[in-house]
Structure formats: C-alpha cells, structure tokens
Amino acid sequence: MCFNTQNLGITLQTKGYFRLHIKERTVVTLKAMYDIQHIQKISLKTAMLLFNTKILSILTYILNLIWEKLTEKDLHSIDGVKQNS
C-alpha cells in the first residue's frame, strides 16, 4: 500500500517518488495557462512576463529540491507543458 501526503505544496510518496507532485504541478500549470484570456491581444513582452511570473513559477515550485530524484517520465511530463504553451 502506498500512502501520499501533501506538505507545503509538495506531494510526498512513501517510495520516494515525486510522480504525483509532477502530475499535480503540470495540471495546475496548464489550467493557469488557459486562464490567461485574449493572450493574442497583448504584446510579446507582456506575454513573456506573464509566463515567467505566473506559469513558470507554478511549474518549477520546489523543482530544484527534487530534481535529482525525477524520472525520465517526470521530465517528459514537464516538457509536455512547454509543448502546450
């Protein structure tokens, strides 16, 4: 049986994996991307500022602490967000 717990915004799994955390981050990031309405009407500079402040910060939350433990599948999930932007 595998137990999961969320603490300070990171989902911890008993086996030491972070798959659920990465999945949750990617879902929240994609939702945040679709929340930005009429993006085609704003300048590229403003769009990049929005991306860097809103989208990137959601996706990379705590990533620097768990980077070494991520699997190839986790990295593909993160990269998939970039493909949807």
PDB file of N, CA and C in Angstrom:
ATOM      1  N   MET A   1       0.840  -1.165   0.000  1.00  0.00           N
ATOM      2  CA  MET A   1       0.000   0.000   0.000  1.00  0.00           C
ATOM      3  C   MET A   1       0.898   1.245   0.000  1.00  0.00           C
ATOM      4  N   CYS A   2       0.538   2.207  -0.824  1.00  0.00           N
ATOM      5  CA  CYS A   2       1.331   3.424  -0.958  1.00  0.00           C
ATOM      6  C   CYS A   2       0.538   4.597  -0.406  1.00  0.00           C
ATOM      7  N   PHE A   3       1.116   5.325   0.519  1.00  0.00           N
ATOM      8  CA  PHE A   3       0.464   6.488   1.101  1.00  0.00           C
ATOM      9  C   PHE A   3       1.098   7.745   0.546  1.00  0.00           C
ATOM     10  N   ASN A   4       0.279   8.752   0.351  1.00  0.00           N
ATOM     11  CA  ASN A   4       0.750  10.035  -0.149  1.00  0.00           C
ATOM     12  C   ASN A   4       0.302  11.114   0.827  1.00  0.00           C
ATOM     13  N   THR A   5       1.101  12.137   0.949  1.00  0.00           N
ATOM     14  CA  THR A   5       0.734  13.261   1.786  1.00  0.00           C
ATOM     15  C   THR A   5       1.235  14.532   1.128  1.00  0.00           C
ATOM     16  N   GLN A   6       0.491  15.608   1.323  1.00  0.00           N
ATOM     17  CA  GLN A   6       0.924  16.880   0.765  1.00  0.00           C
ATOM     18  C   GLN A   6       1.312  17.792   1.918  1.00  0.00           C
ATOM     19  N   ASN A   7       2.525  18.342   1.820  1.00  0.00           N
ATOM     20  CA  ASN A   7       3.055  19.196   2.865  1.00  0.00           C
ATOM     21  C   ASN A   7       3.730  20.392   2.208  1.00  0.00           C
ATOM     22  N   LEU A   8       3.292  21.588   2.535  1.00  0.00           N
ATOM     23  CA  LEU A   8       3.850  22.822   1.977  1.00  0.00           C
ATOM     24  C   LEU A   8       3.827  22.830   0.458  1.00  0.00           C
ATOM     25  N   GLY A   9       2.799  22.237  -0.140  1.00  0.00           N
ATOM     26  CA  GLY A   9       2.642  22.268  -1.583  1.00  0.00           C
ATOM     27  C   GLY A   9       3.381  21.203  -2.351  1.00  0.00           C
ATOM     28  N   ILE A  10       4.010  20.274  -1.670  1.00  0.00           N
ATOM     29  CA  ILE A  10       4.693  19.181  -2.373  1.00  0.00           C
ATOM     30  C   ILE A  10       4.042  17.862  -1.949  1.00  0.00           C
ATOM     31  N   THR A  11       3.756  17.038  -2.938  1.00  0.00           N
ATOM     32  CA  THR A  11       3.158  15.743  -2.653  1.00  0.00           C
ATOM     33  C   THR A  11       4.262  14.724  -2.411  1.00  0.00           C
ATOM     34  N   LEU A  12       4.285  14.172  -1.221  1.00  0.00           N
ATOM     35  CA  LEU A  12       5.302  13.187  -0.847  1.00  0.00           C
ATOM     36  C   LEU A  12       4.714  11.790  -0.957  1.00  0.00           C
ATOM     37  N   GLN A  13       5.468  10.890  -1.553  1.00  0.00           N
ATOM     38  CA  GLN A  13       5.056   9.499  -1.665  1.00  0.00           C
ATOM     39  C   GLN A  13       6.027   8.651  -0.852  1.00  0.00           C
ATOM     40  N   THR A  14       5.519   7.583  -0.257  1.00  0.00           N
ATOM     41  CA  THR A  14       6.336   6.775   0.643  1.00  0.00           C
ATOM     42  C   THR A  14       7.520   6.115  -0.059  1.00  0.00           C
ATOM     43  N   LYS A  15       7.423   5.881  -1.330  1.00  0.00           N
ATOM     44  CA  LYS A  15       8.510   5.215  -2.063  1.00  0.00           C
ATOM     45  C   LYS A  15       9.603   6.195  -2.494  1.00  0.00           C
ATOM     46  N   GLY A  16       9.444   7.468  -2.216  1.00  0.00           N
ATOM     47  CA  GLY A  16      10.457   8.448  -2.593  1.00  0.00           C
ATOM     48  C   GLY A  16      10.301   8.982  -4.002  1.00  0.00           C
ATOM     49  N   TYR A  17       9.174   8.692  -4.625  1.00  0.00           N
ATOM     50  CA  TYR A  17       8.911   9.203  -5.964  1.00  0.00           C
ATOM     51  C   TYR A  17       8.202  10.551  -5.867  1.00  0.00           C
ATOM     52  N   PHE A  18       8.227  11.292  -6.955  1.00  0.00           N
ATOM     53  CA  PHE A  18       7.555  12.584  -6.995  1.00  0.00           C
ATOM     54  C   PHE A  18       6.595  12.665  -8.175  1.00  0.00           C
ATOM     55  N   ARG A  19       6.185  11.516  -8.686  1.00  0.00           N
ATOM     56  CA  ARG A  19       5.309  11.475  -9.855  1.00  0.00           C
ATOM     57  C   ARG A  19       4.001  12.227  -9.610  1.00  0.00           C
ATOM     58  N   LEU A  20       3.395  12.046  -8.440  1.00  0.00           N
ATOM     59  CA  LEU A  20       2.139  12.743  -8.156  1.00  0.00           C
ATOM     60  C   LEU A  20       2.346  14.246  -8.048  1.00  0.00           C
ATOM     61  N   HIS A  21       3.470  14.660  -7.489  1.00  0.00           N
ATOM     62  CA  HIS A  21       3.767  16.089  -7.394  1.00  0.00           C
ATOM     63  C   HIS A  21       3.917  16.685  -8.795  1.00  0.00           C
ATOM     64  N   ILE A  22       4.653  16.012  -9.661  1.00  0.00           N
ATOM     65  CA  ILE A  22       4.859  16.497 -11.025  1.00  0.00           C
ATOM     66  C   ILE A  22       3.530  16.538 -11.770  1.00  0.00           C
ATOM     67  N   LYS A  23       2.718  15.506 -11.609  1.00  0.00           N
ATOM     68  CA  LYS A  23       1.409  15.482 -12.274  1.00  0.00           C
ATOM     69  C   LYS A  23       0.542  16.644 -11.795  1.00  0.00           C
ATOM     70  N   GLU A  24       0.517  16.878 -10.498  1.00  0.00           N
ATOM     71  CA  GLU A  24      -0.286  17.972  -9.949  1.00  0.00           C
ATOM     72  C   GLU A  24       0.228  19.317 -10.445  1.00  0.00           C
ATOM     73  N   ARG A  25       1.525  19.508 -10.477  1.00  0.00           N
ATOM     74  CA  ARG A  25       2.120  20.769 -10.957  1.00  0.00           C
ATOM     75  C   ARG A  25       1.799  21.005 -12.429  1.00  0.00           C
ATOM     76  N   THR A  26       1.877  19.949 -13.250  1.00  0.00           N
ATOM     77  CA  THR A  26       1.603  20.130 -14.674  1.00  0.00           C
ATOM     78  C   THR A  26       0.131  20.460 -14.911  1.00  0.00           C
ATOM     79  N   VAL A  27      -0.772  19.823 -14.185  1.00  0.00           N
ATOM     80  CA  VAL A  27      -2.206  20.120 -14.329  1.00  0.00           C
ATOM     81  C   VAL A  27      -2.496  21.564 -13.917  1.00  0.00           C
ATOM     82  N   VAL A  28      -1.970  21.982 -12.782  1.00  0.00           N
ATOM     83  CA  VAL A  28      -2.199  23.350 -12.309  1.00  0.00           C
ATOM     84  C   VAL A  28      -1.588  24.359 -13.286  1.00  0.00           C
ATOM     85  N   THR A  29      -0.425  24.039 -13.830  1.00  0.00           N
ATOM     86  CA  THR A  29       0.225  24.935 -14.789  1.00  0.00           C
ATOM     87  C   THR A  29      -0.602  25.081 -16.055  1.00  0.00           C
ATOM     88  N   LEU A  30      -1.092  23.969 -16.591  1.00  0.00           N
ATOM     89  CA  LEU A  30      -1.910  24.035 -17.804  1.00  0.00           C
ATOM     90  C   LEU A  30      -3.196  24.819 -17.562  1.00  0.00           C
ATOM     91  N   LYS A  31      -3.811  24.646 -16.398  1.00  0.00           N
ATOM     92  CA  LYS A  31      -5.013  25.425 -16.070  1.00  0.00           C
ATOM     93  C   LYS A  31      -4.685  26.914 -16.001  1.00  0.00           C
ATOM     94  N   ALA A  32      -3.550  27.252 -15.425  1.00  0.00           N
ATOM     95  CA  ALA A  32      -3.142  28.650 -15.331  1.00  0.00           C
ATOM     96  C   ALA A  32      -2.898  29.242 -16.715  1.00  0.00           C
ATOM     97  N   MET A  33      -2.356  28.437 -17.625  1.00  0.00           N
ATOM     98  CA  MET A  33      -2.122  28.913 -18.989  1.00  0.00           C
ATOM     99  C   MET A  33      -3.438  29.240 -19.678  1.00  0.00           C
ATOM    100  N   TYR A  34      -4.434  28.403 -19.482  1.00  0.00           N
ATOM    101  CA  TYR A  34      -5.730  28.631 -20.123  1.00  0.00           C
ATOM    102  C   TYR A  34      -6.533  29.729 -19.429  1.00  0.00           C
ATOM    103  N   ASP A  35      -6.141  30.129 -18.236  1.00  0.00           N
ATOM    104  CA  ASP A  35      -6.797  31.244 -17.543  1.00  0.00           C
ATOM    105  C   ASP A  35      -6.463  32.597 -18.164  1.00  0.00           C
ATOM    106  N   ILE A  36      -5.356  32.666 -18.868  1.00  0.00           N
ATOM    107  CA  ILE A  36      -4.947  33.927 -19.491  1.00  0.00           C
ATOM    108  C   ILE A  36      -5.781  34.109 -20.758  1.00  0.00           C
ATOM    109  N   GLN A  37      -6.730  35.009 -20.692  1.00  0.00           N
ATOM    110  CA  GLN A  37      -7.635  35.227 -21.807  1.00  0.00           C
ATOM    111  C   GLN A  37      -7.088  36.291 -22.750  1.00  0.00           C
ATOM    112  N   HIS A  38      -7.407  36.133 -24.016  1.00  0.00           N
ATOM    113  CA  HIS A  38      -7.041  37.107 -25.057  1.00  0.00           C
ATOM    114  C   HIS A  38      -5.540  37.360 -25.100  1.00  0.00           C
ATOM    115  N   ILE A  39      -4.765  36.310 -24.954  1.00  0.00           N
ATOM    116  CA  ILE A  39      -3.307  36.470 -24.945  1.00  0.00           C
ATOM    117  C   ILE A  39      -2.797  37.015 -26.280  1.00  0.00           C
ATOM    118  N   GLN A  40      -3.524  36.755 -27.352  1.00  0.00           N
ATOM    119  CA  GLN A  40      -3.106  37.257 -28.653  1.00  0.00           C
ATOM    120  C   GLN A  40      -3.209  38.776 -28.749  1.00  0.00           C
ATOM    121  N   LYS A  41      -3.902  39.405 -27.815  1.00  0.00           N
ATOM    122  CA  LYS A  41      -4.072  40.864 -27.834  1.00  0.00           C
ATOM    123  C   LYS A  41      -3.013  41.602 -27.020  1.00  0.00           C
ATOM    124  N   ILE A  42      -2.141  40.874 -26.329  1.00  0.00           N
ATOM    125  CA  ILE A  42      -1.107  41.542 -25.536  1.00  0.00           C
ATOM    126  C   ILE A  42       0.235  41.436 -26.246  1.00  0.00           C
ATOM    127  N   SER A  43       1.127  42.297 -25.868  1.00  0.00           N
ATOM    128  CA  SER A  43       2.444  42.301 -26.507  1.00  0.00           C
ATOM    129  C   SER A  43       3.233  41.062 -26.114  1.00  0.00           C
ATOM    130  N   LEU A  44       4.221  40.748 -26.932  1.00  0.00           N
ATOM    131  CA  LEU A  44       5.091  39.608 -26.642  1.00  0.00           C
ATOM    132  C   LEU A  44       5.814  39.816 -25.315  1.00  0.00           C
ATOM    133  N   LYS A  45       6.236  41.039 -25.060  1.00  0.00           N
ATOM    134  CA  LYS A  45       6.936  41.345 -23.807  1.00  0.00           C
ATOM    135  C   LYS A  45       6.030  41.067 -22.601  1.00  0.00           C
ATOM    136  N   THR A  46       4.783  41.480 -22.681  1.00  0.00           N
ATOM    137  CA  THR A  46       3.831  41.240 -21.585  1.00  0.00           C
ATOM    138  C   THR A  46       3.522  39.750 -21.451  1.00  0.00           C
ATOM    139  N   ALA A  47       3.391  39.061 -22.587  1.00  0.00           N
ATOM    140  CA  ALA A  47       3.123  37.622 -22.559  1.00  0.00           C
ATOM    141  C   ALA A  47       4.276  36.874 -21.902  1.00  0.00           C
ATOM    142  N   MET A  48       5.501  37.254 -22.216  1.00  0.00           N
ATOM    143  CA  MET A  48       6.671  36.608 -21.609  1.00  0.00           C
ATOM    144  C   MET A  48       6.737  36.903 -20.109  1.00  0.00           C
ATOM    145  N   LEU A  49       6.394  38.118 -19.732  1.00  0.00           N
ATOM    146  CA  LEU A  49       6.368  38.476 -18.314  1.00  0.00           C
ATOM    147  C   LEU A  49       5.327  37.636 -17.570  1.00  0.00           C
ATOM    148  N   LEU A  50       4.150  37.486 -18.163  1.00  0.00           N
ATOM    149  CA  LEU A  50       3.110  36.639 -17.569  1.00  0.00           C
ATOM    150  C   LEU A  50       3.585  35.195 -17.452  1.00  0.00           C
ATOM    151  N   PHE A  51       4.199  34.689 -18.515  1.00  0.00           N
ATOM    152  CA  PHE A  51       4.686  33.315 -18.499  1.00  0.00           C
ATOM    153  C   PHE A  51       5.717  33.111 -17.397  1.00  0.00           C
ATOM    154  N   ASN A  52       6.682  34.021 -17.324  1.00  0.00           N
ATOM    155  CA  ASN A  52       7.759  33.875 -16.334  1.00  0.00           C
ATOM    156  C   ASN A  52       7.283  34.046 -14.902  1.00  0.00           C
ATOM    157  N   THR A  53       6.305  34.902 -14.680  1.00  0.00           N
ATOM    158  CA  THR A  53       5.851  35.131 -13.302  1.00  0.00           C
ATOM    159  C   THR A  53       4.762  34.165 -12.862  1.00  0.00           C
ATOM    160  N   LYS A  54       3.826  33.858 -13.734  1.00  0.00           N
ATOM    161  CA  LYS A  54       2.697  33.011 -13.342  1.00  0.00           C
ATOM    162  C   LYS A  54       2.936  31.535 -13.676  1.00  0.00           C
ATOM    163  N   ILE A  55       3.242  31.253 -14.905  1.00  0.00           N
ATOM    164  CA  ILE A  55       3.302  29.866 -15.374  1.00  0.00           C
ATOM    165  C   ILE A  55       4.562  29.159 -14.890  1.00  0.00           C
ATOM    166  N   LEU A  56       5.700  29.740 -15.151  1.00  0.00           N
ATOM    167  CA  LEU A  56       6.967  29.105 -14.792  1.00  0.00           C
ATOM    168  C   LEU A  56       7.105  28.895 -13.287  1.00  0.00           C
ATOM    169  N   SER A  57       6.615  29.853 -12.508  1.00  0.00           N
ATOM    170  CA  SER A  57       6.728  29.705 -11.051  1.00  0.00           C
ATOM    171  C   SER A  57       5.875  28.551 -10.526  1.00  0.00           C
ATOM    172  N   ILE A  58       4.733  28.322 -11.132  1.00  0.00           N
ATOM    173  CA  ILE A  58       3.880  27.193 -10.728  1.00  0.00           C
ATOM    174  C   ILE A  58       4.561  25.874 -11.068  1.00  0.00           C
ATOM    175  N   LEU A  59       5.047  25.773 -12.296  1.00  0.00           N
ATOM    176  CA  LEU A  59       5.635  24.523 -12.771  1.00  0.00           C
ATOM    177  C   LEU A  59       6.905  24.153 -12.019  1.00  0.00           C
ATOM    178  N   THR A  60       7.725  25.116 -11.700  1.00  0.00           N
ATOM    179  CA  THR A  60       9.037  24.824 -11.121  1.00  0.00           C
ATOM    180  C   THR A  60       9.065  24.869  -9.594  1.00  0.00           C
ATOM    181  N   TYR A  61       7.896  25.005  -8.958  1.00  0.00           N
ATOM    182  CA  TYR A  61       7.855  25.067  -7.496  1.00  0.00           C
ATOM    183  C   TYR A  61       8.524  23.831  -6.888  1.00  0.00           C
ATOM    184  N   ILE A  62       9.535  24.032  -6.087  1.00  0.00           N
ATOM    185  CA  ILE A  62      10.306  23.015  -5.366  1.00  0.00           C
ATOM    186  C   ILE A  62      11.106  22.099  -6.309  1.00  0.00           C
ATOM    187  N   LEU A  63      11.105  22.386  -7.593  1.00  0.00           N
ATOM    188  CA  LEU A  63      11.808  21.534  -8.549  1.00  0.00           C
ATOM    189  C   LEU A  63      13.295  21.433  -8.243  1.00  0.00           C
ATOM    190  N   ASN A  64      13.889  22.518  -7.804  1.00  0.00           N
ATOM    191  CA  ASN A  64      15.328  22.481  -7.513  1.00  0.00           C
ATOM    192  C   ASN A  64      15.671  21.527  -6.366  1.00  0.00           C
ATOM    193  N   LEU A  65      14.716  21.236  -5.500  1.00  0.00           N
ATOM    194  CA  LEU A  65      14.967  20.330  -4.375  1.00  0.00           C
ATOM    195  C   LEU A  65      14.798  18.856  -4.745  1.00  0.00           C
ATOM    196  N   ILE A  66      13.996  18.586  -5.758  1.00  0.00           N
ATOM    197  CA  ILE A  66      13.695  17.192  -6.098  1.00  0.00           C
ATOM    198  C   ILE A  66      14.279  16.779  -7.450  1.00  0.00           C
ATOM    199  N   TRP A  67      14.969  17.671  -8.120  1.00  0.00           N
ATOM    200  CA  TRP A  67      15.466  17.447  -9.479  1.00  0.00           C
ATOM    201  C   TRP A  67      16.188  16.109  -9.639  1.00  0.00           C
ATOM    202  N   GLU A  68      17.070  15.782  -8.733  1.00  0.00           N
ATOM    203  CA  GLU A  68      17.876  14.567  -8.859  1.00  0.00           C
ATOM    204  C   GLU A  68      17.055  13.284  -8.728  1.00  0.00           C
ATOM    205  N   LYS A  69      15.878  13.366  -8.151  1.00  0.00           N
ATOM    206  CA  LYS A  69      15.056  12.172  -7.944  1.00  0.00           C
ATOM    207  C   LYS A  69      13.984  11.987  -9.019  1.00  0.00           C
ATOM    208  N   LEU A  70      13.928  12.900  -9.988  1.00  0.00           N
ATOM    209  CA  LEU A  70      12.910  12.797 -11.021  1.00  0.00           C
ATOM    210  C   LEU A  70      13.267  11.707 -12.021  1.00  0.00           C
ATOM    211  N   THR A  71      12.240  11.053 -12.517  1.00  0.00           N
ATOM    212  CA  THR A  71      12.430  10.006 -13.518  1.00  0.00           C
ATOM    213  C   THR A  71      12.325  10.618 -14.919  1.00  0.00           C
ATOM    214  N   GLU A  72      12.663   9.828 -15.897  1.00  0.00           N
ATOM    215  CA  GLU A  72      12.542  10.287 -17.284  1.00  0.00           C
ATOM    216  C   GLU A  72      11.086  10.630 -17.607  1.00  0.00           C
ATOM    217  N   LYS A  73      10.159   9.852 -17.080  1.00  0.00           N
ATOM    218  CA  LYS A  73       8.733  10.112 -17.301  1.00  0.00           C
ATOM    219  C   LYS A  73       8.334  11.456 -16.685  1.00  0.00           C
ATOM    220  N   ASP A  74       8.856  11.772 -15.497  1.00  0.00           N
ATOM    221  CA  ASP A  74       8.581  13.065 -14.869  1.00  0.00           C
ATOM    222  C   ASP A  74       9.060  14.206 -15.750  1.00  0.00           C
ATOM    223  N   LEU A  75      10.266  14.055 -16.291  1.00  0.00           N
ATOM    224  CA  LEU A  75      10.844  15.101 -17.143  1.00  0.00           C
ATOM    225  C   LEU A  75      10.037  15.274 -18.431  1.00  0.00           C
ATOM    226  N   HIS A  76       9.525  14.178 -18.982  1.00  0.00           N
ATOM    227  CA  HIS A  76       8.680  14.272 -20.171  1.00  0.00           C
ATOM    228  C   HIS A  76       7.370  14.998 -19.845  1.00  0.00           C
ATOM    229  N   SER A  77       6.837  14.780 -18.656  1.00  0.00           N
ATOM    230  CA  SER A  77       5.613  15.475 -18.247  1.00  0.00           C
ATOM    231  C   SER A  77       5.840  16.977 -18.176  1.00  0.00           C
ATOM    232  N   ILE A  78       6.971  17.367 -17.599  1.00  0.00           N
ATOM    233  CA  ILE A  78       7.312  18.789 -17.506  1.00  0.00           C
ATOM    234  C   ILE A  78       7.499  19.373 -18.903  1.00  0.00           C
ATOM    235  N   ASP A  79       8.189  18.638 -19.763  1.00  0.00           N
ATOM    236  CA  ASP A  79       8.436  19.098 -21.118  1.00  0.00           C
ATOM    237  C   ASP A  79       7.123  19.193 -21.898  1.00  0.00           C
ATOM    238  N   GLY A  80       6.161  18.341 -21.573  1.00  0.00           N
ATOM    239  CA  GLY A  80       4.855  18.388 -22.240  1.00  0.00           C
ATOM    240  C   GLY A  80       4.129  19.687 -22.022  1.00  0.00           C
ATOM    241  N   VAL A  81       4.327  20.307 -20.878  1.00  0.00           N
ATOM    242  CA  VAL A  81       3.708  21.608 -20.608  1.00  0.00           C
ATOM    243  C   VAL A  81       4.251  22.635 -21.586  1.00  0.00           C
ATOM    244  N   LYS A  82       5.552  22.577 -21.824  1.00  0.00           N
ATOM    245  CA  LYS A  82       6.180  23.512 -22.753  1.00  0.00           C
ATOM    246  C   LYS A  82       5.596  23.336 -24.149  1.00  0.00           C
ATOM    247  N   GLN A  83       5.312  22.096 -24.533  1.00  0.00           N
ATOM    248  CA  GLN A  83       4.765  21.829 -25.858  1.00  0.00           C
ATOM    249  C   GLN A  83       3.352  22.405 -26.012  1.00  0.00           C
ATOM    250  N   ASN A  84       2.624  22.531 -24.902  1.00  0.00           N
ATOM    251  CA  ASN A  84       1.254  23.055 -24.935  1.00  0.00           C
ATOM    252  C   ASN A  84       1.203  24.571 -24.869  1.00  0.00           C
ATOM    253  N   SER A  85       2.336  25.210 -24.606  1.00  0.00           N
ATOM    254  CA  SER A  85       2.312  26.674 -24.486  1.00  0.00           C
ATOM    255  C   SER A  85       2.373  27.332 -25.834  1.00  0.00           C
TER     256      SER A  85
END
